[in-house]
């Protein structure tokens, strides 16, 4: 899952999540996956 610029994405992940955020975007995930994240800027990856 990738978010760039300004935006929010919500995803339901069961096993794994590779999350990449650039800019001021956010990724909110549901479930209990193993998370690998890369954040550039002031975005976030968080459980929702």
N, C-alpha and C. Protein backbone atom coordinates (compact mmCIF):
# COMPACT_ATOMS: atom_id res chain seq x y z
N UNK A 1 0.86 -1.15 0.00
CA UNK A 1 0.00 0.00 0.00
C UNK A 1 0.91 1.22 0.00
N UNK A 2 0.59 2.18 -0.84
CA UNK A 2 1.39 3.39 -0.94
C UNK A 2 0.47 4.61 -1.00
N UNK A 3 0.83 5.64 -0.22
CA UNK A 3 0.10 6.91 -0.25
C UNK A 3 1.12 8.01 -0.45
N UNK A 4 0.85 8.90 -1.42
CA UNK A 4 1.76 10.01 -1.68
C UNK A 4 1.00 11.32 -1.71
N UNK A 5 1.67 12.40 -1.35
CA UNK A 5 1.00 13.71 -1.33
C UNK A 5 0.17 13.85 -0.08
N UNK A 6 -1.09 14.22 -0.24
CA UNK A 6 -2.00 14.38 0.89
C UNK A 6 -3.18 13.45 0.68
N UNK A 7 -3.36 12.52 1.59
CA UNK A 7 -4.48 11.60 1.48
C UNK A 7 -4.44 10.59 2.60
N UNK A 8 -5.55 9.90 2.78
CA UNK A 8 -5.64 8.86 3.79
C UNK A 8 -6.19 7.59 3.15
N UNK A 9 -5.57 6.47 3.47
CA UNK A 9 -6.04 5.18 2.97
C UNK A 9 -6.29 4.28 4.18
N UNK A 10 -7.38 3.53 4.13
CA UNK A 10 -7.68 2.55 5.16
C UNK A 10 -7.68 1.17 4.50
N UNK A 11 -6.97 0.24 5.13
CA UNK A 11 -6.82 -1.09 4.54
C UNK A 11 -7.01 -2.15 5.62
N UNK A 12 -7.59 -3.28 5.24
CA UNK A 12 -7.74 -4.42 6.13
C UNK A 12 -6.71 -5.45 5.72
N UNK A 13 -5.76 -5.73 6.60
CA UNK A 13 -4.66 -6.65 6.28
C UNK A 13 -4.66 -7.80 7.29
N UNK A 14 -4.58 -9.02 6.78
CA UNK A 14 -4.65 -10.19 7.65
C UNK A 14 -3.26 -10.68 8.09
N UNK A 15 -2.30 -10.73 7.16
CA UNK A 15 -1.00 -11.33 7.48
C UNK A 15 0.14 -10.33 7.44
N UNK A 16 0.32 -9.66 6.31
CA UNK A 16 1.43 -8.72 6.18
C UNK A 16 0.95 -7.43 5.53
N UNK A 17 1.66 -6.34 5.85
CA UNK A 17 1.37 -5.05 5.23
C UNK A 17 2.69 -4.34 4.99
N UNK A 18 2.94 -4.00 3.74
CA UNK A 18 4.08 -3.16 3.38
C UNK A 18 3.51 -1.78 3.09
N UNK A 19 3.77 -0.83 3.97
CA UNK A 19 3.16 0.50 3.88
C UNK A 19 4.23 1.55 3.59
N UNK A 20 3.96 2.38 2.58
CA UNK A 20 4.87 3.46 2.22
C UNK A 20 4.08 4.76 2.14
N UNK A 21 4.53 5.77 2.90
CA UNK A 21 3.87 7.07 2.92
C UNK A 21 4.89 8.14 2.57
N UNK A 22 4.54 8.99 1.61
CA UNK A 22 5.37 10.15 1.29
C UNK A 22 4.49 11.39 1.38
N UNK A 23 5.03 12.47 1.89
CA UNK A 23 4.25 13.70 2.04
C UNK A 23 3.51 13.70 3.36
N UNK A 24 2.22 14.07 3.31
CA UNK A 24 1.42 14.18 4.53
C UNK A 24 0.29 13.16 4.56
N UNK A 25 0.44 12.07 3.88
CA UNK A 25 -0.60 11.04 3.83
C UNK A 25 -0.58 10.14 5.05
N UNK A 26 -1.66 9.40 5.22
CA UNK A 26 -1.79 8.46 6.32
C UNK A 26 -2.30 7.12 5.80
N UNK A 27 -1.78 6.05 6.39
CA UNK A 27 -2.33 4.71 6.15
C UNK A 27 -2.83 4.20 7.49
N UNK A 28 -4.09 3.85 7.53
CA UNK A 28 -4.72 3.28 8.72
C UNK A 28 -5.02 1.83 8.39
N UNK A 29 -4.54 0.91 9.22
CA UNK A 29 -4.77 -0.50 8.92
C UNK A 29 -5.60 -1.17 10.01
N UNK A 30 -6.40 -2.11 9.56
CA UNK A 30 -7.23 -2.93 10.44
C UNK A 30 -6.66 -4.34 10.41
N UNK A 31 -6.89 -5.09 11.44
CA UNK A 31 -6.33 -6.43 11.51
C UNK A 31 -5.07 -6.43 12.35
N UNK A 32 -4.34 -7.54 12.30
CA UNK A 32 -3.13 -7.69 13.10
C UNK A 32 -1.98 -8.19 12.23
N UNK A 33 -1.63 -7.45 11.17
CA UNK A 33 -0.58 -7.92 10.26
C UNK A 33 0.81 -7.62 10.80
N UNK A 34 1.81 -8.30 10.24
CA UNK A 34 3.20 -7.91 10.43
C UNK A 34 3.42 -6.71 9.50
N UNK A 35 3.85 -5.58 10.06
CA UNK A 35 3.92 -4.33 9.30
C UNK A 35 5.36 -3.94 9.01
N UNK A 36 5.64 -3.65 7.75
CA UNK A 36 6.90 -3.04 7.32
C UNK A 36 6.52 -1.67 6.80
N UNK A 37 7.11 -0.61 7.37
CA UNK A 37 6.69 0.73 6.96
C UNK A 37 7.87 1.62 6.61
N UNK A 38 7.62 2.50 5.64
CA UNK A 38 8.56 3.53 5.24
C UNK A 38 7.77 4.83 5.20
N UNK A 39 8.21 5.82 5.97
CA UNK A 39 7.52 7.11 6.02
C UNK A 39 8.51 8.21 5.70
N UNK A 40 8.18 9.02 4.68
CA UNK A 40 8.97 10.19 4.32
C UNK A 40 8.04 11.40 4.44
N UNK A 41 8.42 12.37 5.23
CA UNK A 41 7.56 13.53 5.46
C UNK A 41 6.88 13.40 6.80
N UNK A 42 5.64 13.91 6.89
CA UNK A 42 4.94 13.91 8.17
C UNK A 42 3.72 12.99 8.16
N UNK A 43 3.73 11.99 7.33
CA UNK A 43 2.65 11.02 7.28
C UNK A 43 2.79 10.00 8.39
N UNK A 44 1.77 9.15 8.54
CA UNK A 44 1.79 8.12 9.57
C UNK A 44 1.25 6.80 9.04
N UNK A 45 1.66 5.73 9.70
CA UNK A 45 1.08 4.40 9.51
C UNK A 45 0.63 3.98 10.90
N UNK A 46 -0.66 3.68 11.04
CA UNK A 46 -1.17 3.36 12.38
C UNK A 46 -2.32 2.38 12.31
N UNK A 47 -2.51 1.67 13.41
CA UNK A 47 -3.64 0.75 13.51
C UNK A 47 -4.89 1.56 13.81
N UNK A 48 -5.99 1.20 13.16
CA UNK A 48 -7.24 1.97 13.33
C UNK A 48 -8.29 1.26 14.11
